[in-house]
Amino acid sequence: VAMMLKHSFNLIEESDDIENAVEEVLSDGIFTADLSSEDHVSTDEMGNAILSKIV
């Protein structure tokens, strides 16, 4: 989504907000199963975690 906003719609600030939110969530140790075989969250939970960093 961040790439689409940046490259298709030239919404740089919005794209950066999403990228920063993802980085924060990963830094918090929150991962989906494809990134961590141990403690992981569902894609729905990951989306909510990212959204909470943006809002």
PDB file of N, CA and C in Angstrom:
ATOM      1  N   VAL A   1       0.834  -1.186   0.000  1.00  0.00           N
ATOM      2  CA  VAL A   1       0.000   0.000   0.000  1.00  0.00           C
ATOM      3  C   VAL A   1       0.875   1.246   0.000  1.00  0.00           C
ATOM      4  N   ALA A   2       1.926   1.228   0.801  1.00  0.00           N
ATOM      5  CA  ALA A   2       2.813   2.394   0.866  1.00  0.00           C
ATOM      6  C   ALA A   2       3.423   2.683  -0.501  1.00  0.00           C
ATOM      7  N   MET A   3       3.849   1.650  -1.200  1.00  0.00           N
ATOM      8  CA  MET A   3       4.431   1.849  -2.530  1.00  0.00           C
ATOM      9  C   MET A   3       3.402   2.381  -3.515  1.00  0.00           C
ATOM     10  N   MET A   4       2.171   1.879  -3.437  1.00  0.00           N
ATOM     11  CA  MET A   4       1.116   2.362  -4.317  1.00  0.00           C
ATOM     12  C   MET A   4       0.862   3.845  -4.074  1.00  0.00           C
ATOM     13  N   LEU A   5       0.763   4.230  -2.804  1.00  0.00           N
ATOM     14  CA  LEU A   5       0.526   5.638  -2.487  1.00  0.00           C
ATOM     15  C   LEU A   5       1.661   6.515  -3.000  1.00  0.00           C
ATOM     16  N   LYS A   6       2.888   6.034  -2.829  1.00  0.00           N
ATOM     17  CA  LYS A   6       4.057   6.827  -3.221  1.00  0.00           C
ATOM     18  C   LYS A   6       4.194   6.919  -4.739  1.00  0.00           C
ATOM     19  N   HIS A   7       4.143   5.783  -5.411  1.00  0.00           N
ATOM     20  CA  HIS A   7       4.477   5.756  -6.836  1.00  0.00           C
ATOM     21  C   HIS A   7       3.293   5.984  -7.766  1.00  0.00           C
ATOM     22  N   SER A   8       2.102   5.626  -7.349  1.00  0.00           N
ATOM     23  CA  SER A   8       0.937   5.808  -8.220  1.00  0.00           C
ATOM     24  C   SER A   8       0.210   7.116  -7.969  1.00  0.00           C
ATOM     25  N   PHE A   9       0.202   7.555  -6.714  1.00  0.00           N
ATOM     26  CA  PHE A   9      -0.590   8.733  -6.357  1.00  0.00           C
ATOM     27  C   PHE A   9       0.247   9.895  -5.837  1.00  0.00           C
ATOM     28  N   ASN A  10       1.571   9.696  -5.769  1.00  0.00           N
ATOM     29  CA  ASN A  10       2.490  10.731  -5.295  1.00  0.00           C
ATOM     30  C   ASN A  10       2.111  11.255  -3.908  1.00  0.00           C
ATOM     31  N   LEU A  11       1.620  10.360  -3.056  1.00  0.00           N
ATOM     32  CA  LEU A  11       1.268  10.704  -1.675  1.00  0.00           C
ATOM     33  C   LEU A  11       2.425  10.277  -0.770  1.00  0.00           C
ATOM     34  N   ILE A  12       3.473  11.065  -0.799  1.00  0.00           N
ATOM     35  CA  ILE A  12       4.716  10.722  -0.117  1.00  0.00           C
ATOM     36  C   ILE A  12       4.541  10.678   1.399  1.00  0.00           C
ATOM     37  N   GLU A  13       3.916  11.686   1.968  1.00  0.00           N
ATOM     38  CA  GLU A  13       3.758  11.744   3.426  1.00  0.00           C
ATOM     39  C   GLU A  13       2.941  10.564   3.940  1.00  0.00           C
ATOM     40  N   GLU A  14       1.856  10.244   3.248  1.00  0.00           N
ATOM     41  CA  GLU A  14       1.010   9.125   3.661  1.00  0.00           C
ATOM     42  C   GLU A  14       1.766   7.805   3.547  1.00  0.00           C
ATOM     43  N   SER A  15       2.535   7.668   2.481  1.00  0.00           N
ATOM     44  CA  SER A  15       3.351   6.476   2.295  1.00  0.00           C
ATOM     45  C   SER A  15       4.374   6.339   3.420  1.00  0.00           C
ATOM     46  N   ASP A  16       5.032   7.435   3.747  1.00  0.00           N
ATOM     47  CA  ASP A  16       6.012   7.420   4.833  1.00  0.00           C
ATOM     48  C   ASP A  16       5.370   7.060   6.167  1.00  0.00           C
ATOM     49  N   ASP A  17       4.151   7.542   6.402  1.00  0.00           N
ATOM     50  CA  ASP A  17       3.439   7.207   7.640  1.00  0.00           C
ATOM     51  C   ASP A  17       3.239   5.701   7.762  1.00  0.00           C
ATOM     52  N   ILE A  18       2.849   5.063   6.667  1.00  0.00           N
ATOM     53  CA  ILE A  18       2.630   3.616   6.686  1.00  0.00           C
ATOM     54  C   ILE A  18       3.950   2.882   6.892  1.00  0.00           C
ATOM     55  N   GLU A  19       4.978   3.277   6.156  1.00  0.00           N
ATOM     56  CA  GLU A  19       6.275   2.620   6.301  1.00  0.00           C
ATOM     57  C   GLU A  19       6.817   2.761   7.724  1.00  0.00           C
ATOM     58  N   ASN A  20       6.678   3.930   8.300  1.00  0.00           N
ATOM     59  CA  ASN A  20       7.141   4.141   9.678  1.00  0.00           C
ATOM     60  C   ASN A  20       6.342   3.303  10.665  1.00  0.00           C
ATOM     61  N   ALA A  21       5.044   3.186  10.447  1.00  0.00           N
ATOM     62  CA  ALA A  21       4.202   2.376  11.328  1.00  0.00           C
ATOM     63  C   ALA A  21       4.610   0.914  11.271  1.00  0.00           C
ATOM     64  N   VAL A  22       4.881   0.407  10.079  1.00  0.00           N
ATOM     65  CA  VAL A  22       5.317  -0.984   9.934  1.00  0.00           C
ATOM     66  C   VAL A  22       6.644  -1.192  10.658  1.00  0.00           C
ATOM     67  N   GLU A  23       7.580  -0.270  10.478  1.00  0.00           N
ATOM     68  CA  GLU A  23       8.871  -0.374  11.169  1.00  0.00           C
ATOM     69  C   GLU A  23       8.694  -0.379  12.686  1.00  0.00           C
ATOM     70  N   GLU A  24       7.806   0.475  13.194  1.00  0.00           N
ATOM     71  CA  GLU A  24       7.562   0.525  14.641  1.00  0.00           C
ATOM     72  C   GLU A  24       6.990  -0.788  15.156  1.00  0.00           C
ATOM     73  N   VAL A  25       6.015  -1.337  14.430  1.00  0.00           N
ATOM     74  CA  VAL A  25       5.380  -2.589  14.849  1.00  0.00           C
ATOM     75  C   VAL A  25       6.408  -3.717  14.869  1.00  0.00           C
ATOM     76  N   LEU A  26       7.223  -3.804  13.831  1.00  0.00           N
ATOM     77  CA  LEU A  26       8.253  -4.842  13.803  1.00  0.00           C
ATOM     78  C   LEU A  26       9.271  -4.632  14.922  1.00  0.00           C
ATOM     79  N   SER A  27       9.621  -3.394  15.201  1.00  0.00           N
ATOM     80  CA  SER A  27      10.546  -3.096  16.303  1.00  0.00           C
ATOM     81  C   SER A  27       9.957  -3.472  17.655  1.00  0.00           C
ATOM     82  N   ASP A  28       8.627  -3.421  17.742  1.00  0.00           N
ATOM     83  CA  ASP A  28       7.937  -3.824  18.970  1.00  0.00           C
ATOM     84  C   ASP A  28       7.903  -5.341  19.138  1.00  0.00           C
ATOM     85  N   GLY A  29       8.399  -6.070  18.132  1.00  0.00           N
ATOM     86  CA  GLY A  29       8.430  -7.527  18.213  1.00  0.00           C
ATOM     87  C   GLY A  29       7.148  -8.199  17.773  1.00  0.00           C
ATOM     88  N   ILE A  30       6.341  -7.505  17.017  1.00  0.00           N
ATOM     89  CA  ILE A  30       5.087  -8.066  16.520  1.00  0.00           C
ATOM     90  C   ILE A  30       5.327  -8.568  15.101  1.00  0.00           C
ATOM     91  N   PHE A  31       5.076  -9.876  14.883  1.00  0.00           N
ATOM     92  CA  PHE A  31       5.323 -10.506  13.589  1.00  0.00           C
ATOM     93  C   PHE A  31       4.173 -11.431  13.216  1.00  0.00           C
ATOM     94  N   THR A  32       3.968 -11.612  11.919  1.00  0.00           N
ATOM     95  CA  THR A  32       3.030 -12.628  11.435  1.00  0.00           C
ATOM     96  C   THR A  32       3.790 -13.949  11.303  1.00  0.00           C
ATOM     97  N   ALA A  33       3.065 -15.024  11.071  1.00  0.00           N
ATOM     98  CA  ALA A  33       3.663 -16.361  11.042  1.00  0.00           C
ATOM     99  C   ALA A  33       4.708 -16.512   9.941  1.00  0.00           C
ATOM    100  N   ASP A  34       4.579 -15.776   8.841  1.00  0.00           N
ATOM    101  CA  ASP A  34       5.571 -15.890   7.769  1.00  0.00           C
ATOM    102  C   ASP A  34       6.907 -15.249   8.144  1.00  0.00           C
ATOM    103  N   LEU A  35       6.911 -14.430   9.178  1.00  0.00           N
ATOM    104  CA  LEU A  35       8.142 -13.769   9.619  1.00  0.00           C
ATOM    105  C   LEU A  35       8.705 -14.352  10.905  1.00  0.00           C
ATOM    106  N   SER A  36       7.888 -15.096  11.645  1.00  0.00           N
ATOM    107  CA  SER A  36       8.344 -15.678  12.906  1.00  0.00           C
ATOM    108  C   SER A  36       7.575 -16.960  13.178  1.00  0.00           C
ATOM    109  N   SER A  37       8.313 -18.036  13.402  1.00  0.00           N
ATOM    110  CA  SER A  37       7.644 -19.308  13.682  1.00  0.00           C
ATOM    111  C   SER A  37       7.203 -19.404  15.137  1.00  0.00           C
ATOM    112  N   GLU A  38       7.723 -18.527  15.971  1.00  0.00           N
ATOM    113  CA  GLU A  38       7.354 -18.555  17.384  1.00  0.00           C
ATOM    114  C   GLU A  38       6.208 -17.586  17.634  1.00  0.00           C
ATOM    115  N   ASP A  39       6.369 -16.673  18.524  1.00  0.00           N
ATOM    116  CA  ASP A  39       5.294 -15.740  18.870  1.00  0.00           C
ATOM    117  C   ASP A  39       4.883 -14.923  17.651  1.00  0.00           C
ATOM    118  N   HIS A  40       3.682 -15.193  17.145  1.00  0.00           N
ATOM    119  CA  HIS A  40       3.207 -14.448  15.989  1.00  0.00           C
ATOM    120  C   HIS A  40       1.734 -14.095  16.149  1.00  0.00           C
ATOM    121  N   VAL A  41       1.301 -13.125  15.358  1.00  0.00           N
ATOM    122  CA  VAL A  41      -0.082 -12.664  15.399  1.00  0.00           C
ATOM    123  C   VAL A  41      -0.732 -12.946  14.048  1.00  0.00           C
ATOM    124  N   SER A  42      -2.043 -12.852  14.001  1.00  0.00           N
ATOM    125  CA  SER A  42      -2.762 -13.027  12.738  1.00  0.00           C
ATOM    126  C   SER A  42      -2.567 -11.787  11.863  1.00  0.00           C
ATOM    127  N   THR A  43      -2.912 -11.910  10.598  1.00  0.00           N
ATOM    128  CA  THR A  43      -2.804 -10.745   9.712  1.00  0.00           C
ATOM    129  C   THR A  43      -3.758  -9.640  10.151  1.00  0.00           C
ATOM    130  N   ASP A  44      -4.902 -10.024  10.695  1.00  0.00           N
ATOM    131  CA  ASP A  44      -5.853  -9.029  11.205  1.00  0.00           C
ATOM    132  C   ASP A  44      -5.242  -8.260  12.374  1.00  0.00           C
ATOM    133  N   GLU A  45      -4.609  -8.992  13.278  1.00  0.00           N
ATOM    134  CA  GLU A  45      -3.954  -8.349  14.426  1.00  0.00           C
ATOM    135  C   GLU A  45      -2.792  -7.463  13.974  1.00  0.00           C
ATOM    136  N   MET A  46      -2.051  -7.917  12.963  1.00  0.00           N
ATOM    137  CA  MET A  46      -0.941  -7.115  12.436  1.00  0.00           C
ATOM    138  C   MET A  46      -1.476  -5.822  11.827  1.00  0.00           C
ATOM    139  N   GLY A  47      -2.540  -5.929  11.051  1.00  0.00           N
ATOM    140  CA  GLY A  47      -3.145  -4.735  10.463  1.00  0.00           C
ATOM    141  C   GLY A  47      -3.604  -3.750  11.518  1.00  0.00           C
ATOM    142  N   ASN A  48      -4.212  -4.260  12.570  1.00  0.00           N
ATOM    143  CA  ASN A  48      -4.664  -3.386  13.661  1.00  0.00           C
ATOM    144  C   ASN A  48      -3.489  -2.738  14.388  1.00  0.00           C
ATOM    145  N   ALA A  49      -2.404  -3.485  14.557  1.00  0.00           N
ATOM    146  CA  ALA A  49      -1.218  -2.926  15.217  1.00  0.00           C
ATOM    147  C   ALA A  49      -0.622  -1.797  14.380  1.00  0.00           C
ATOM    148  N   ILE A  50      -0.556  -2.001  13.071  1.00  0.00           N
ATOM    149  CA  ILE A  50      -0.038  -0.961  12.176  1.00  0.00           C
ATOM    150  C   ILE A  50      -0.962   0.246  12.188  1.00  0.00           C
ATOM    151  N   LEU A  51      -2.251  -0.003  12.100  1.00  0.00           N
ATOM    152  CA  LEU A  51      -3.227   1.093  12.114  1.00  0.00           C
ATOM    153  C   LEU A  51      -3.125   1.911  13.393  1.00  0.00           C
ATOM    154  N   SER A  52      -2.911   1.236  14.515  1.00  0.00           N
ATOM    155  CA  SER A  52      -2.826   1.959  15.793  1.00  0.00           C
ATOM    156  C   SER A  52      -1.628   2.901  15.838  1.00  0.00           C
ATOM    157  N   LYS A  53      -0.583   2.603  15.080  1.00  0.00           N
ATOM    158  CA  LYS A  53       0.590   3.479  15.033  1.00  0.00           C
ATOM    159  C   LYS A  53       0.341   4.697  14.141  1.00  0.00           C
ATOM    160  N   ILE A  54      -0.583   4.575  13.197  1.00  0.00           N
ATOM    161  CA  ILE A  54      -0.865   5.666  12.260  1.00  0.00           C
ATOM    162  C   ILE A  54      -1.877   6.639  12.837  1.00  0.00           C
ATOM    163  N   VAL A  55      -2.890   6.104  13.487  1.00  0.00           N
ATOM    164  CA  VAL A  55      -4.004   6.933  13.974  1.00  0.00           C
ATOM    165  C   VAL A  55      -3.661   7.665  15.233  1.00  0.00           C
TER     166      VAL A  55
END
